[in-house]
């Protein structure tokens, strides 16, 4: 039997609204992701938010949780594909991240009525189909809140908040989360910051899916050790060849070997 539980409203970054519901996934159930927002690293990468969510849910017996993933879509595309690509496949829950695919963050445009109309139609269709959902606010550049372009996301995020309240839909107010959190690395747009943002979003998706605070805290701690911050070191051809030979001698992949070397140097 599906279990619907109230979304715990104990943190500043979740909407302080009465009656919001989140979906606890049961084994065999799936969720869908509809996103028009980039979190500046591949969602299925080693520390991408989608992969982290899938792996943590897998530990609870919910395997392959994300079966539908429509990324970098405008709200008009989400609406057009909703019946055939989402509702027909009967997910238990849907994560909706309306984002900058719908507008130009350099121009500071006001919210077009179509943005709200499309999202309203998506929400209404999912509610008619009795599919639980969670809306998410986000920045143009999530890993650097001080980025000037982020000022131009204010109106759209307010529209998302208003729709969540109007339709009594659960909301992850990710923008407010970034304002209220102390992070282990500065949110300065760096590669480490991009990885951390994915980890923070994954934690809030799991919270919306009713995972316990204790389990989320343990997951977040373990994620900090996942290699995912990739950068091109400045190496000569000879140095790279020596690294490859050393990696081969140790029976390791060159990338894993370099990662281990770096890890050992700072510990």
Protein backbone atom coordinates (compact mmCIF):
# COMPACT_ATOMS: atom_id res chain seq x y z
CA UNK A 1 0.00 0.00 0.00
CA UNK A 2 1.26 3.49 -0.82
CA UNK A 3 1.99 5.59 2.25
CA UNK A 4 1.46 9.36 2.06
CA UNK A 5 3.08 11.28 4.87
CA UNK A 6 3.18 14.92 5.81
CA UNK A 7 6.32 16.76 4.78
CA UNK A 8 8.20 17.72 7.93
CA UNK A 9 8.35 21.51 8.07
CA UNK A 10 11.19 21.82 10.58
CA UNK A 11 13.67 23.77 8.48
CA UNK A 12 13.71 27.31 7.15
CA UNK A 13 14.08 26.30 3.53
CA UNK A 14 10.87 24.26 3.23
CA UNK A 15 7.63 26.15 2.73
CA UNK A 16 5.84 26.97 5.97
CA UNK A 17 2.45 25.86 4.66
CA UNK A 18 -0.14 23.66 6.31
CA UNK A 19 -1.33 20.47 4.69
CA UNK A 20 1.60 19.83 2.36
CA UNK A 21 2.19 16.20 1.51
CA UNK A 22 5.30 14.39 0.39
CA UNK A 23 5.57 10.86 -0.93
CA UNK A 24 7.51 8.09 0.77
CA UNK A 25 8.60 5.72 -2.00
CA UNK A 26 8.01 2.03 -1.43
CA UNK A 27 9.99 -0.81 -3.08
CA UNK A 28 8.97 -1.06 -6.72
CA UNK A 29 7.79 2.54 -6.92
CA UNK A 30 9.46 5.15 -9.14
CA UNK A 31 9.75 8.90 -9.28
CA UNK A 32 10.07 11.31 -12.20
CA UNK A 33 12.17 14.45 -12.51
CA UNK A 34 11.06 17.39 -14.68
CA UNK A 35 13.81 19.99 -14.76
CA UNK A 36 14.50 23.22 -16.59
CA UNK A 37 17.49 24.00 -14.40
CA UNK A 38 21.18 23.11 -14.49
CA UNK A 39 22.95 22.42 -11.22
CA UNK A 40 26.31 22.89 -12.96
CA UNK A 41 27.38 19.29 -12.94
CA UNK A 42 25.95 16.17 -14.54
CA UNK A 43 23.03 14.93 -12.45
CA UNK A 44 24.05 11.30 -12.99
CA UNK A 45 27.75 11.98 -12.29
CA UNK A 46 29.60 10.53 -9.28
CA UNK A 47 28.27 13.30 -7.04
CA UNK A 48 25.29 14.42 -9.13
CA UNK A 49 22.07 14.93 -7.19
CA UNK A 50 20.10 12.34 -9.18
CA UNK A 51 22.67 9.62 -8.70
CA UNK A 52 22.97 10.37 -4.97
CA UNK A 53 19.19 10.17 -4.51
CA UNK A 54 18.97 6.92 -6.46
CA UNK A 55 21.82 5.30 -4.53
CA UNK A 56 20.47 6.31 -1.10
CA UNK A 57 16.97 5.11 -1.91
CA UNK A 58 18.50 1.88 -3.17
CA UNK A 59 19.87 1.25 0.31
CA UNK A 60 16.29 1.35 1.63
CA UNK A 61 15.08 -1.22 -0.90
CA UNK A 62 13.78 1.25 -3.50
CA UNK A 63 15.91 0.28 -6.50
CA UNK A 64 16.26 2.36 -9.68
CA UNK A 65 14.06 5.09 -8.21
CA UNK A 66 14.36 7.62 -11.06
CA UNK A 67 12.79 5.99 -14.10
CA UNK A 68 11.76 9.20 -15.89
CA UNK A 69 14.17 12.11 -16.18
CA UNK A 70 13.39 15.04 -18.47
CA UNK A 71 16.18 17.60 -18.05
CA UNK A 72 16.73 21.05 -19.59
CA UNK A 73 13.09 21.33 -20.59
CA UNK A 74 10.93 24.43 -20.78
CA UNK A 75 7.64 24.31 -18.89
CA UNK A 76 5.82 24.18 -22.26
CA UNK A 77 7.76 21.02 -23.14
CA UNK A 78 7.02 19.51 -19.73
CA UNK A 79 3.32 20.11 -20.23
CA UNK A 80 3.31 18.76 -23.79
CA UNK A 81 5.02 15.52 -22.75
CA UNK A 82 3.33 15.08 -19.38
CA UNK A 83 0.55 12.69 -20.37
CA UNK A 84 2.64 10.31 -22.48
CA UNK A 85 6.06 10.55 -20.82
CA UNK A 86 5.05 10.87 -17.16
CA UNK A 87 1.45 10.17 -16.19
CA UNK A 88 1.11 7.15 -18.49
CA UNK A 89 4.16 5.59 -16.81
CA UNK A 90 2.55 5.96 -13.36
CA UNK A 91 5.35 7.32 -11.19
CA UNK A 92 4.60 7.56 -7.48
CA UNK A 93 6.10 11.05 -7.20
CA UNK A 94 7.37 13.87 -9.41
CA UNK A 95 10.11 16.40 -8.68
CA UNK A 96 9.58 19.62 -10.65
CA UNK A 97 12.42 22.14 -10.97
CA UNK A 98 11.21 24.98 -13.20
CA UNK A 99 14.28 26.93 -14.25
CA UNK A 100 16.13 29.21 -16.55
CA UNK A 101 15.20 27.30 -19.68
CA UNK A 102 12.06 29.45 -19.59
CA UNK A 103 13.73 32.87 -19.45
CA UNK A 104 16.87 34.91 -20.11
CA UNK A 105 18.59 35.65 -16.79
CA UNK A 106 20.74 38.36 -18.38
CA UNK A 107 17.72 40.53 -19.21
CA UNK A 108 15.88 40.43 -15.92
CA UNK A 109 12.61 39.70 -17.65
CA UNK A 110 9.36 39.65 -15.74
CA UNK A 111 7.49 36.38 -15.49
CA UNK A 112 5.55 35.59 -18.64
CA UNK A 113 2.00 34.42 -18.04
CA UNK A 114 2.75 31.24 -19.98
CA UNK A 115 5.29 30.22 -17.32
CA UNK A 116 2.61 30.20 -14.62
CA UNK A 117 -0.04 28.78 -16.92
CA UNK A 118 2.16 25.86 -17.96
CA UNK A 119 3.16 25.06 -14.39
CA UNK A 120 -0.44 25.32 -13.20
CA UNK A 121 -1.55 22.89 -15.89
CA UNK A 122 1.24 20.45 -14.99
CA UNK A 123 0.27 20.59 -11.31
CA UNK A 124 -3.44 20.16 -12.04
CA UNK A 125 -2.84 17.17 -14.30
CA UNK A 126 -0.65 15.47 -11.69
CA UNK A 127 -3.16 16.15 -8.94
CA UNK A 128 -5.97 14.75 -11.10
CA UNK A 129 -3.83 11.65 -11.62
CA UNK A 130 -3.24 11.53 -7.83
CA UNK A 131 0.53 11.71 -8.25
CA UNK A 132 2.44 13.37 -5.41
CA UNK A 133 4.86 16.14 -6.36
CA UNK A 134 7.46 18.55 -5.02
CA UNK A 135 8.34 21.95 -6.52
CA UNK A 136 11.85 23.44 -6.26
CA UNK A 137 13.15 27.02 -6.43
CA UNK A 138 16.65 27.58 -7.79
CA UNK A 139 19.17 30.13 -8.96
CA UNK A 140 20.70 30.66 -12.39
CA UNK A 141 24.06 29.81 -10.82
CA UNK A 142 23.34 27.82 -7.69
CA UNK A 143 26.97 27.40 -6.65
CA UNK A 144 27.48 31.18 -6.41
CA UNK A 145 24.47 32.97 -4.88
CA UNK A 146 26.24 36.33 -5.18
CA UNK A 147 26.27 36.02 -8.98
CA UNK A 148 24.50 39.06 -10.47
CA UNK A 149 22.30 36.93 -12.74
CA UNK A 150 20.66 35.39 -9.69
CA UNK A 151 18.87 38.68 -9.00
CA UNK A 152 16.90 38.08 -12.18
CA UNK A 153 15.47 34.80 -10.88
CA UNK A 154 13.54 36.47 -8.05
CA UNK A 155 10.22 36.92 -9.85
CA UNK A 156 10.19 33.37 -11.21
CA UNK A 157 10.99 31.86 -7.82
CA UNK A 158 8.22 33.95 -6.27
CA UNK A 159 5.86 32.57 -8.90
CA UNK A 160 6.90 29.02 -7.97
CA UNK A 161 6.31 29.76 -4.28
CA UNK A 162 2.88 31.21 -5.01
CA UNK A 163 1.87 28.19 -7.07
CA UNK A 164 3.03 25.84 -4.31
CA UNK A 165 0.83 27.73 -1.87
CA UNK A 166 -2.15 28.00 -4.22
CA UNK A 167 -2.17 24.29 -5.01
CA UNK A 168 -0.89 23.14 -1.60
CA UNK A 169 2.10 21.41 -3.17
CA UNK A 170 5.26 20.57 -1.23
CA UNK A 171 8.10 23.01 -1.86
CA UNK A 172 11.86 22.74 -1.51
CA UNK A 173 12.83 26.39 -1.30
CA UNK A 174 16.41 25.78 -2.37
CA UNK A 175 17.15 29.50 -2.67
CA UNK A 176 16.26 30.03 0.98
CA UNK A 177 18.34 27.00 1.91
CA UNK A 178 21.43 28.56 0.34
CA UNK A 179 20.83 31.78 2.26
CA UNK A 180 20.48 30.05 5.60
CA UNK A 181 23.20 27.38 5.44
CA UNK A 182 26.81 27.28 6.56
CA UNK A 183 28.67 25.21 3.98
CA UNK A 184 31.89 23.21 4.21
CA UNK A 185 33.31 25.12 1.23
CA UNK A 186 32.50 28.66 0.05
CA UNK A 187 29.73 28.86 -2.54
CA UNK A 188 31.96 30.73 -4.96
CA UNK A 189 31.19 28.91 -8.18
CA UNK A 190 34.17 26.58 -7.85
CA UNK A 191 34.08 22.93 -8.86
CA UNK A 192 33.87 21.93 -5.18
CA UNK A 193 30.93 24.31 -4.71
CA UNK A 194 29.10 22.79 -7.69
CA UNK A 195 29.49 19.31 -6.24
CA UNK A 196 28.34 20.48 -2.80
CA UNK A 197 25.23 22.10 -4.30
CA UNK A 198 24.25 18.76 -5.83
CA UNK A 199 24.74 17.08 -2.47
CA UNK A 200 22.60 19.71 -0.73
CA UNK A 201 19.79 19.30 -3.26
CA UNK A 202 19.95 15.50 -3.02
CA UNK A 203 19.56 15.76 0.76
CA UNK A 204 16.43 17.90 0.43
CA UNK A 205 14.88 15.58 -2.16
CA UNK A 206 15.43 12.69 0.25
CA UNK A 207 13.91 14.77 3.06
CA UNK A 208 10.85 15.44 0.89
CA UNK A 209 10.64 11.68 0.32
CA UNK A 210 10.41 11.31 4.11
CA UNK A 211 13.90 9.98 4.82
CA UNK A 212 14.86 10.56 8.45
CA UNK A 213 17.13 13.40 9.53
CA UNK A 214 19.59 10.87 10.95
CA UNK A 215 19.83 8.95 7.68
CA UNK A 216 20.23 12.16 5.68
CA UNK A 217 22.99 13.43 8.00
CA UNK A 218 24.88 10.16 7.60
CA UNK A 219 24.48 10.26 3.83
CA UNK A 220 25.71 13.86 3.60
CA UNK A 221 28.79 12.99 5.64
CA UNK A 222 29.62 10.04 3.37
CA UNK A 223 29.08 12.09 0.19
CA UNK A 224 31.88 14.47 1.13
CA UNK A 225 34.37 11.67 0.39
CA UNK A 226 32.98 10.83 -3.07
CA UNK A 227 35.47 11.81 -5.80
CA UNK A 228 33.61 14.16 -8.08
CA UNK A 229 35.54 17.42 -8.20
CA UNK A 230 37.29 17.00 -11.53
CA UNK A 231 39.93 19.44 -12.76
CA UNK A 232 42.69 19.26 -15.38
CA UNK A 233 46.11 19.44 -13.66
CA UNK A 234 48.91 21.04 -15.62
CA UNK A 235 51.09 18.07 -16.57
CA UNK A 236 53.84 17.54 -19.07
CA UNK A 237 53.61 14.60 -21.45
CA UNK A 238 56.44 12.85 -19.62
CA UNK A 239 54.81 13.33 -16.22
CA UNK A 240 51.51 11.98 -17.48
CA UNK A 241 53.21 8.96 -19.00
CA UNK A 242 55.01 8.25 -15.71
CA UNK A 243 51.71 8.51 -13.86
CA UNK A 244 50.10 6.06 -16.29
CA UNK A 245 52.96 3.60 -15.80
CA UNK A 246 52.75 3.94 -12.02
CA UNK A 247 48.99 3.42 -12.15
CA UNK A 248 49.39 0.33 -14.32
CA UNK A 249 52.01 -1.09 -11.93
CA UNK A 250 49.58 -0.62 -9.03
CA UNK A 251 46.72 -2.19 -10.96
CA UNK A 252 44.67 0.99 -10.90
CA UNK A 253 42.99 3.20 -13.47
CA UNK A 254 45.11 6.37 -14.01
CA UNK A 255 42.28 8.67 -12.86
CA UNK A 256 41.76 6.62 -9.68
CA UNK A 257 45.49 6.54 -9.08
CA UNK A 258 45.80 10.34 -9.34
CA UNK A 259 42.78 10.76 -7.07
CA UNK A 260 44.37 8.53 -4.44
CA UNK A 261 47.66 10.41 -4.69
CA UNK A 262 45.91 13.72 -4.06
CA UNK A 263 43.90 12.29 -1.22
CA UNK A 264 47.01 10.96 0.49
CA UNK A 265 48.87 14.24 0.06
CA UNK A 266 46.29 16.20 2.03
CA UNK A 267 45.74 13.66 4.79
